[in-house]
């Protein structure tokens, strides 16, 4: 059982409404870049916790097995 990339995007956007999200995955491993102003002032661990909270249900259910994250503020993304 796996989840579509677009479904992962929608879950993240539901929990972080201003997020710009790009997800790439093969049904087993997924990579996500999440850009949001909500990450301002947060360290990497706190940023990842915010994103993982949005997809926790599908992780627990086994639909989403592995998620690699890059979580940036809009300013960090612009500077990259």
PDB file of N, CA and C in Angstrom:
ATOM      1  N   UNK A   1       0.852  -1.172   0.000  1.00  0.00           N
ATOM      2  CA  UNK A   1       0.000   0.000   0.000  1.00  0.00           C
ATOM      3  C   UNK A   1       0.904   1.243   0.000  1.00  0.00           C
ATOM      4  N   UNK A   2       0.650   2.154  -0.923  1.00  0.00           N
ATOM      5  CA  UNK A   2       1.444   3.379  -0.974  1.00  0.00           C
ATOM      6  C   UNK A   2       0.530   4.565  -1.235  1.00  0.00           C
ATOM      7  N   UNK A   3       1.099   5.732  -1.213  1.00  0.00           N
ATOM      8  CA  UNK A   3       0.351   6.970  -1.372  1.00  0.00           C
ATOM      9  C   UNK A   3       0.932   7.740  -2.558  1.00  0.00           C
ATOM     10  N   UNK A   4       0.075   8.407  -3.295  1.00  0.00           N
ATOM     11  CA  UNK A   4       0.506   9.189  -4.454  1.00  0.00           C
ATOM     12  C   UNK A   4       1.250  10.447  -4.007  1.00  0.00           C
ATOM     13  N   UNK A   5       2.194  10.877  -4.821  1.00  0.00           N
ATOM     14  CA  UNK A   5       2.959  12.088  -4.516  1.00  0.00           C
ATOM     15  C   UNK A   5       2.032  13.273  -4.250  1.00  0.00           C
ATOM     16  N   UNK A   6       1.008  13.447  -5.094  1.00  0.00           N
ATOM     17  CA  UNK A   6       0.091  14.582  -4.941  1.00  0.00           C
ATOM     18  C   UNK A   6      -0.671  14.512  -3.618  1.00  0.00           C
ATOM     19  N   UNK A   7      -0.977  13.320  -3.147  1.00  0.00           N
ATOM     20  CA  UNK A   7      -1.655  13.177  -1.863  1.00  0.00           C
ATOM     21  C   UNK A   7      -0.751  13.631  -0.720  1.00  0.00           C
ATOM     22  N   UNK A   8       0.533  13.353  -0.817  1.00  0.00           N
ATOM     23  CA  UNK A   8       1.484  13.821   0.194  1.00  0.00           C
ATOM     24  C   UNK A   8       1.539  15.348   0.174  1.00  0.00           C
ATOM     25  N   UNK A   9       1.575  15.927  -1.020  1.00  0.00           N
ATOM     26  CA  UNK A   9       1.573  17.390  -1.155  1.00  0.00           C
ATOM     27  C   UNK A   9       0.342  17.972  -0.471  1.00  0.00           C
ATOM     28  N   UNK A  10      -0.825  17.407  -0.736  1.00  0.00           N
ATOM     29  CA  UNK A  10      -2.070  17.934  -0.171  1.00  0.00           C
ATOM     30  C   UNK A  10      -2.096  17.822   1.351  1.00  0.00           C
ATOM     31  N   UNK A  11      -1.585  16.735   1.897  1.00  0.00           N
ATOM     32  CA  UNK A  11      -1.528  16.589   3.356  1.00  0.00           C
ATOM     33  C   UNK A  11      -0.645  17.663   3.980  1.00  0.00           C
ATOM     34  N   UNK A  12       0.511  17.890   3.379  1.00  0.00           N
ATOM     35  CA  UNK A  12       1.425  18.906   3.914  1.00  0.00           C
ATOM     36  C   UNK A  12       0.793  20.285   3.812  1.00  0.00           C
ATOM     37  N   UNK A  13       0.180  20.596   2.676  1.00  0.00           N
ATOM     38  CA  UNK A  13      -0.461  21.905   2.499  1.00  0.00           C
ATOM     39  C   UNK A  13      -1.649  22.094   3.439  1.00  0.00           C
ATOM     40  N   UNK A  14      -2.339  21.019   3.766  1.00  0.00           N
ATOM     41  CA  UNK A  14      -3.459  21.116   4.706  1.00  0.00           C
ATOM     42  C   UNK A  14      -2.971  21.526   6.090  1.00  0.00           C
ATOM     43  N   UNK A  15      -1.797  21.052   6.470  1.00  0.00           N
ATOM     44  CA  UNK A  15      -1.249  21.376   7.785  1.00  0.00           C
ATOM     45  C   UNK A  15      -0.418  22.637   7.817  1.00  0.00           C
ATOM     46  N   UNK A  16       0.138  23.019   6.666  1.00  0.00           N
ATOM     47  CA  UNK A  16       0.966  24.226   6.551  1.00  0.00           C
ATOM     48  C   UNK A  16       0.448  24.982   5.325  1.00  0.00           C
ATOM     49  N   UNK A  17      -0.634  25.743   5.506  1.00  0.00           N
ATOM     50  CA  UNK A  17      -1.351  26.316   4.358  1.00  0.00           C
ATOM     51  C   UNK A  17      -0.530  27.187   3.410  1.00  0.00           C
ATOM     52  N   UNK A  18       0.474  27.895   3.906  1.00  0.00           N
ATOM     53  CA  UNK A  18       1.236  28.773   3.004  1.00  0.00           C
ATOM     54  C   UNK A  18       2.397  28.052   2.318  1.00  0.00           C
ATOM     55  N   UNK A  19       2.505  26.756   2.539  1.00  0.00           N
ATOM     56  CA  UNK A  19       3.661  26.005   2.037  1.00  0.00           C
ATOM     57  C   UNK A  19       3.649  25.843   0.521  1.00  0.00           C
ATOM     58  N   UNK A  20       4.838  25.956  -0.038  1.00  0.00           N
ATOM     59  CA  UNK A  20       5.096  25.535  -1.414  1.00  0.00           C
ATOM     60  C   UNK A  20       5.758  24.170  -1.277  1.00  0.00           C
ATOM     61  N   UNK A  21       5.167  23.161  -1.886  1.00  0.00           N
ATOM     62  CA  UNK A  21       5.603  21.783  -1.652  1.00  0.00           C
ATOM     63  C   UNK A  21       5.879  21.081  -2.976  1.00  0.00           C
ATOM     64  N   UNK A  22       7.027  20.423  -3.035  1.00  0.00           N
ATOM     65  CA  UNK A  22       7.366  19.558  -4.165  1.00  0.00           C
ATOM     66  C   UNK A  22       7.708  18.192  -3.584  1.00  0.00           C
ATOM     67  N   UNK A  23       7.030  17.164  -4.080  1.00  0.00           N
ATOM     68  CA  UNK A  23       7.266  15.798  -3.597  1.00  0.00           C
ATOM     69  C   UNK A  23       7.617  14.913  -4.782  1.00  0.00           C
ATOM     70  N   UNK A  24       8.631  14.095  -4.576  1.00  0.00           N
ATOM     71  CA  UNK A  24       9.012  13.094  -5.565  1.00  0.00           C
ATOM     72  C   UNK A  24       9.112  11.766  -4.834  1.00  0.00           C
ATOM     73  N   UNK A  25       8.481  10.749  -5.365  1.00  0.00           N
ATOM     74  CA  UNK A  25       8.553   9.455  -4.708  1.00  0.00           C
ATOM     75  C   UNK A  25       8.223   8.332  -5.653  1.00  0.00           C
ATOM     76  N   UNK A  26       8.560   7.132  -5.211  1.00  0.00           N
ATOM     77  CA  UNK A  26       8.365   5.957  -6.053  1.00  0.00           C
ATOM     78  C   UNK A  26       7.373   4.966  -5.451  1.00  0.00           C
ATOM     79  N   UNK A  27       6.597   5.409  -4.472  1.00  0.00           N
ATOM     80  CA  UNK A  27       5.671   4.511  -3.812  1.00  0.00           C
ATOM     81  C   UNK A  27       6.243   3.874  -2.563  1.00  0.00           C
ATOM     82  N   UNK A  28       7.522   4.076  -2.333  1.00  0.00           N
ATOM     83  CA  UNK A  28       8.187   3.529  -1.154  1.00  0.00           C
ATOM     84  C   UNK A  28       8.983   4.612  -0.440  1.00  0.00           C
ATOM     85  N   UNK A  29       9.855   5.278  -1.171  1.00  0.00           N
ATOM     86  CA  UNK A  29      10.664   6.371  -0.631  1.00  0.00           C
ATOM     87  C   UNK A  29      10.225   7.671  -1.284  1.00  0.00           C
ATOM     88  N   UNK A  30      10.105   8.709  -0.462  1.00  0.00           N
ATOM     89  CA  UNK A  30       9.674  10.015  -0.949  1.00  0.00           C
ATOM     90  C   UNK A  30      10.662  11.082  -0.496  1.00  0.00           C
ATOM     91  N   UNK A  31      10.786  12.122  -1.306  1.00  0.00           N
ATOM     92  CA  UNK A  31      11.578  13.295  -0.952  1.00  0.00           C
ATOM     93  C   UNK A  31      10.643  14.496  -1.081  1.00  0.00           C
ATOM     94  N   UNK A  32      10.717  15.408  -0.118  1.00  0.00           N
ATOM     95  CA  UNK A  32       9.868  16.595  -0.164  1.00  0.00           C
ATOM     96  C   UNK A  32      10.692  17.836   0.129  1.00  0.00           C
ATOM     97  N   UNK A  33      10.432  18.869  -0.662  1.00  0.00           N
ATOM     98  CA  UNK A  33      10.950  20.201  -0.365  1.00  0.00           C
ATOM     99  C   UNK A  33       9.743  21.033   0.037  1.00  0.00           C
ATOM    100  N   UNK A  34       9.804  21.588   1.235  1.00  0.00           N
ATOM    101  CA  UNK A  34       8.700  22.373   1.770  1.00  0.00           C
ATOM    102  C   UNK A  34       9.235  23.760   2.098  1.00  0.00           C
ATOM    103  N   UNK A  35       8.631  24.771   1.492  1.00  0.00           N
ATOM    104  CA  UNK A  35       9.043  26.153   1.706  1.00  0.00           C
ATOM    105  C   UNK A  35       7.885  26.881   2.373  1.00  0.00           C
ATOM    106  N   UNK A  36       8.136  27.455   3.553  1.00  0.00           N
ATOM    107  CA  UNK A  36       7.074  28.141   4.287  1.00  0.00           C
ATOM    108  C   UNK A  36       7.662  29.154   5.254  1.00  0.00           C
ATOM    109  N   UNK A  37       6.943  30.241   5.432  1.00  0.00           N
ATOM    110  CA  UNK A  37       7.356  31.251   6.410  1.00  0.00           C
ATOM    111  C   UNK A  37       7.192  30.747   7.840  1.00  0.00           C
ATOM    112  N   UNK A  38       6.420  29.693   8.044  1.00  0.00           N
ATOM    113  CA  UNK A  38       6.224  29.140   9.379  1.00  0.00           C
ATOM    114  C   UNK A  38       7.534  28.592   9.956  1.00  0.00           C
ATOM    115  N   UNK A  39       8.508  28.318   9.102  1.00  0.00           N
ATOM    116  CA  UNK A  39       9.791  27.783   9.561  1.00  0.00           C
ATOM    117  C   UNK A  39      10.745  28.849  10.100  1.00  0.00           C
ATOM    118  N   UNK A  40      10.410  30.116   9.937  1.00  0.00           N
ATOM    119  CA  UNK A  40      11.288  31.196  10.396  1.00  0.00           C
ATOM    120  C   UNK A  40      11.560  31.056  11.893  1.00  0.00           C
ATOM    121  N   UNK A  41      12.824  31.093  12.253  1.00  0.00           N
ATOM    122  CA  UNK A  41      13.220  31.013  13.652  1.00  0.00           C
ATOM    123  C   UNK A  41      13.270  29.604  14.219  1.00  0.00           C
ATOM    124  N   UNK A  42      12.929  28.599  13.425  1.00  0.00           N
ATOM    125  CA  UNK A  42      12.947  27.219  13.899  1.00  0.00           C
ATOM    126  C   UNK A  42      14.193  26.501  13.400  1.00  0.00           C
ATOM    127  N   UNK A  43      14.724  25.628  14.251  1.00  0.00           N
ATOM    128  CA  UNK A  43      15.862  24.829  13.809  1.00  0.00           C
ATOM    129  C   UNK A  43      15.373  23.681  12.926  1.00  0.00           C
ATOM    130  N   UNK A  44      16.305  22.938  12.362  1.00  0.00           N
ATOM    131  CA  UNK A  44      15.978  21.867  11.419  1.00  0.00           C
ATOM    132  C   UNK A  44      15.047  20.823  12.038  1.00  0.00           C
ATOM    133  N   UNK A  45      15.299  20.445  13.272  1.00  0.00           N
ATOM    134  CA  UNK A  45      14.479  19.426  13.931  1.00  0.00           C
ATOM    135  C   UNK A  45      13.039  19.907  14.080  1.00  0.00           C
ATOM    136  N   UNK A  46      12.844  21.129  14.540  1.00  0.00           N
ATOM    137  CA  UNK A  46      11.493  21.676  14.716  1.00  0.00           C
ATOM    138  C   UNK A  46      10.769  21.791  13.381  1.00  0.00           C
ATOM    139  N   UNK A  47      11.483  22.170  12.340  1.00  0.00           N
ATOM    140  CA  UNK A  47      10.882  22.269  11.004  1.00  0.00           C
ATOM    141  C   UNK A  47      10.393  20.896  10.553  1.00  0.00           C
ATOM    142  N   UNK A  48      11.243  19.903  10.717  1.00  0.00           N
ATOM    143  CA  UNK A  48      10.878  18.548  10.302  1.00  0.00           C
ATOM    144  C   UNK A  48       9.711  18.023  11.130  1.00  0.00           C
ATOM    145  N   UNK A  49       9.681  18.336  12.418  1.00  0.00           N
ATOM    146  CA  UNK A  49       8.569  17.909  13.260  1.00  0.00           C
ATOM    147  C   UNK A  49       7.253  18.485  12.754  1.00  0.00           C
ATOM    148  N   UNK A  50       7.263  19.751  12.334  1.00  0.00           N
ATOM    149  CA  UNK A  50       6.047  20.376  11.802  1.00  0.00           C
ATOM    150  C   UNK A  50       5.563  19.656  10.551  1.00  0.00           C
ATOM    151  N   UNK A  51       6.485  19.309   9.671  1.00  0.00           N
ATOM    152  CA  UNK A  51       6.092  18.621   8.438  1.00  0.00           C
ATOM    153  C   UNK A  51       5.629  17.198   8.748  1.00  0.00           C
ATOM    154  N   UNK A  52       6.381  16.471   9.555  1.00  0.00           N
ATOM    155  CA  UNK A  52       5.996  15.100   9.880  1.00  0.00           C
ATOM    156  C   UNK A  52       4.629  15.045  10.558  1.00  0.00           C
ATOM    157  N   UNK A  53       4.277  16.058  11.338  1.00  0.00           N
ATOM    158  CA  UNK A  53       2.963  16.090  11.983  1.00  0.00           C
ATOM    159  C   UNK A  53       1.835  16.085  10.951  1.00  0.00           C
ATOM    160  N   UNK A  54       2.080  16.658   9.778  1.00  0.00           N
ATOM    161  CA  UNK A  54       1.039  16.719   8.744  1.00  0.00           C
ATOM    162  C   UNK A  54       0.821  15.380   8.051  1.00  0.00           C
ATOM    163  N   UNK A  55       1.806  14.509   8.090  1.00  0.00           N
ATOM    164  CA  UNK A  55       1.709  13.213   7.399  1.00  0.00           C
ATOM    165  C   UNK A  55       1.754  12.025   8.362  1.00  0.00           C
ATOM    166  N   UNK A  56       1.652  12.288   9.639  1.00  0.00           N
ATOM    167  CA  UNK A  56       1.795  11.233  10.637  1.00  0.00           C
ATOM    168  C   UNK A  56       0.807  10.087  10.433  1.00  0.00           C
ATOM    169  N   UNK A  57      -0.438  10.406  10.101  1.00  0.00           N
ATOM    170  CA  UNK A  57      -1.438   9.345   9.948  1.00  0.00           C
ATOM    171  C   UNK A  57      -1.064   8.353   8.854  1.00  0.00           C
ATOM    172  N   UNK A  58      -0.530   8.849   7.734  1.00  0.00           N
ATOM    173  CA  UNK A  58      -0.169   7.929   6.645  1.00  0.00           C
ATOM    174  C   UNK A  58       1.152   7.211   6.916  1.00  0.00           C
ATOM    175  N   UNK A  59       1.976   7.777   7.791  1.00  0.00           N
ATOM    176  CA  UNK A  59       3.176   7.055   8.229  1.00  0.00           C
ATOM    177  C   UNK A  59       2.757   5.892   9.127  1.00  0.00           C
ATOM    178  N   UNK A  60       1.879   6.176  10.081  1.00  0.00           N
ATOM    179  CA  UNK A  60       1.410   5.145  11.008  1.00  0.00           C
ATOM    180  C   UNK A  60       0.677   4.029  10.263  1.00  0.00           C
ATOM    181  N   UNK A  61      -0.106   4.391   9.257  1.00  0.00           N
ATOM    182  CA  UNK A  61      -0.869   3.389   8.497  1.00  0.00           C
ATOM    183  C   UNK A  61       0.012   2.558   7.567  1.00  0.00           C
ATOM    184  N   UNK A  62       1.240   3.020   7.322  1.00  0.00           N
ATOM    185  CA  UNK A  62       2.141   2.307   6.432  1.00  0.00           C
ATOM    186  C   UNK A  62       2.069   2.746   4.981  1.00  0.00           C
ATOM    187  N   UNK A  63       1.179   3.699   4.661  1.00  0.00           N
ATOM    188  CA  UNK A  63       1.078   4.190   3.284  1.00  0.00           C
ATOM    189  C   UNK A  63       2.320   4.973   2.874  1.00  0.00           C
ATOM    190  N   UNK A  64       2.922   5.646   3.840  1.00  0.00           N
ATOM    191  CA  UNK A  64       4.138   6.429   3.603  1.00  0.00           C
ATOM    192  C   UNK A  64       5.229   5.824   4.467  1.00  0.00           C
ATOM    193  N   UNK A  65       6.237   5.275   3.817  1.00  0.00           N
ATOM    194  CA  UNK A  65       7.264   4.552   4.565  1.00  0.00           C
ATOM    195  C   UNK A  65       8.456   5.436   4.914  1.00  0.00           C
ATOM    196  N   UNK A  66       8.993   6.144   3.940  1.00  0.00           N
ATOM    197  CA  UNK A  66      10.207   6.935   4.167  1.00  0.00           C
ATOM    198  C   UNK A  66      10.047   8.297   3.510  1.00  0.00           C
ATOM    199  N   UNK A  67      10.344   9.350   4.266  1.00  0.00           N
ATOM    200  CA  UNK A  67      10.232  10.710   3.758  1.00  0.00           C
ATOM    201  C   UNK A  67      11.488  11.487   4.119  1.00  0.00           C
ATOM    202  N   UNK A  68      12.199  11.937   3.097  1.00  0.00           N
ATOM    203  CA  UNK A  68      13.370  12.789   3.277  1.00  0.00           C
ATOM    204  C   UNK A  68      12.923  14.224   3.055  1.00  0.00           C
ATOM    205  N   UNK A  69      13.294  15.111   3.979  1.00  0.00           N
ATOM    206  CA  UNK A  69      12.793  16.484   3.936  1.00  0.00           C
ATOM    207  C   UNK A  69      13.883  17.522   3.748  1.00  0.00           C
ATOM    208  N   UNK A  70      13.513  18.570   3.027  1.00  0.00           N
ATOM    209  CA  UNK A  70      14.232  19.839   3.015  1.00  0.00           C
ATOM    210  C   UNK A  70      13.172  20.867   3.356  1.00  0.00           C
ATOM    211  N   UNK A  71      13.336  21.564   4.469  1.00  0.00           N
ATOM    212  CA  UNK A  71      12.357  22.547   4.925  1.00  0.00           C
ATOM    213  C   UNK A  71      13.041  23.906   5.014  1.00  0.00           C
ATOM    214  N   UNK A  72      12.562  24.844   4.209  1.00  0.00           N
ATOM    215  CA  UNK A  72      13.198  26.154   4.081  1.00  0.00           C
ATOM    216  C   UNK A  72      12.193  27.280   4.264  1.00  0.00           C
ATOM    217  N   UNK A  73      12.697  28.440   4.672  1.00  0.00           N
ATOM    218  CA  UNK A  73      11.881  29.651   4.615  1.00  0.00           C
ATOM    219  C   UNK A  73      11.944  30.176   3.185  1.00  0.00           C
ATOM    220  N   UNK A  74      11.019  31.045   2.796  1.00  0.00           N
ATOM    221  CA  UNK A  74      11.097  31.626   1.444  1.00  0.00           C
ATOM    222  C   UNK A  74      12.417  32.358   1.193  1.00  0.00           C
ATOM    223  N   UNK A  75      12.943  33.004   2.215  1.00  0.00           N
ATOM    224  CA  UNK A  75      14.213  33.717   2.074  1.00  0.00           C
ATOM    225  C   UNK A  75      15.370  32.752   1.832  1.00  0.00           C
ATOM    226  N   UNK A  76      15.369  31.644   2.551  1.00  0.00           N
ATOM    227  CA  UNK A  76      16.410  30.634   2.350  1.00  0.00           C
ATOM    228  C   UNK A  76      16.315  30.023   0.956  1.00  0.00           C
ATOM    229  N   UNK A  77      15.118  29.789   0.483  1.00  0.00           N
ATOM    230  CA  UNK A  77      14.926  29.227  -0.857  1.00  0.00           C
ATOM    231  C   UNK A  77      15.424  30.207  -1.916  1.00  0.00           C
ATOM    232  N   UNK A  78      15.130  31.490  -1.737  1.00  0.00           N
ATOM    233  CA  UNK A  78      15.554  32.508  -2.701  1.00  0.00           C
ATOM    234  C   UNK A  78      17.072  32.626  -2.750  1.00  0.00           C
ATOM    235  N   UNK A  79      17.729  32.406  -1.610  1.00  0.00           N
ATOM    236  CA  UNK A  79      19.185  32.530  -1.537  1.00  0.00           C
ATOM    237  C   UNK A  79      19.899  31.277  -2.048  1.00  0.00           C
ATOM    238  N   UNK A  80      19.169  30.195  -2.162  1.00  0.00           N
ATOM    239  CA  UNK A  80      19.788  28.912  -2.567  1.00  0.00           C
ATOM    240  C   UNK A  80      20.119  28.871  -4.043  1.00  0.00           C
TER     241      UNK A  80
END
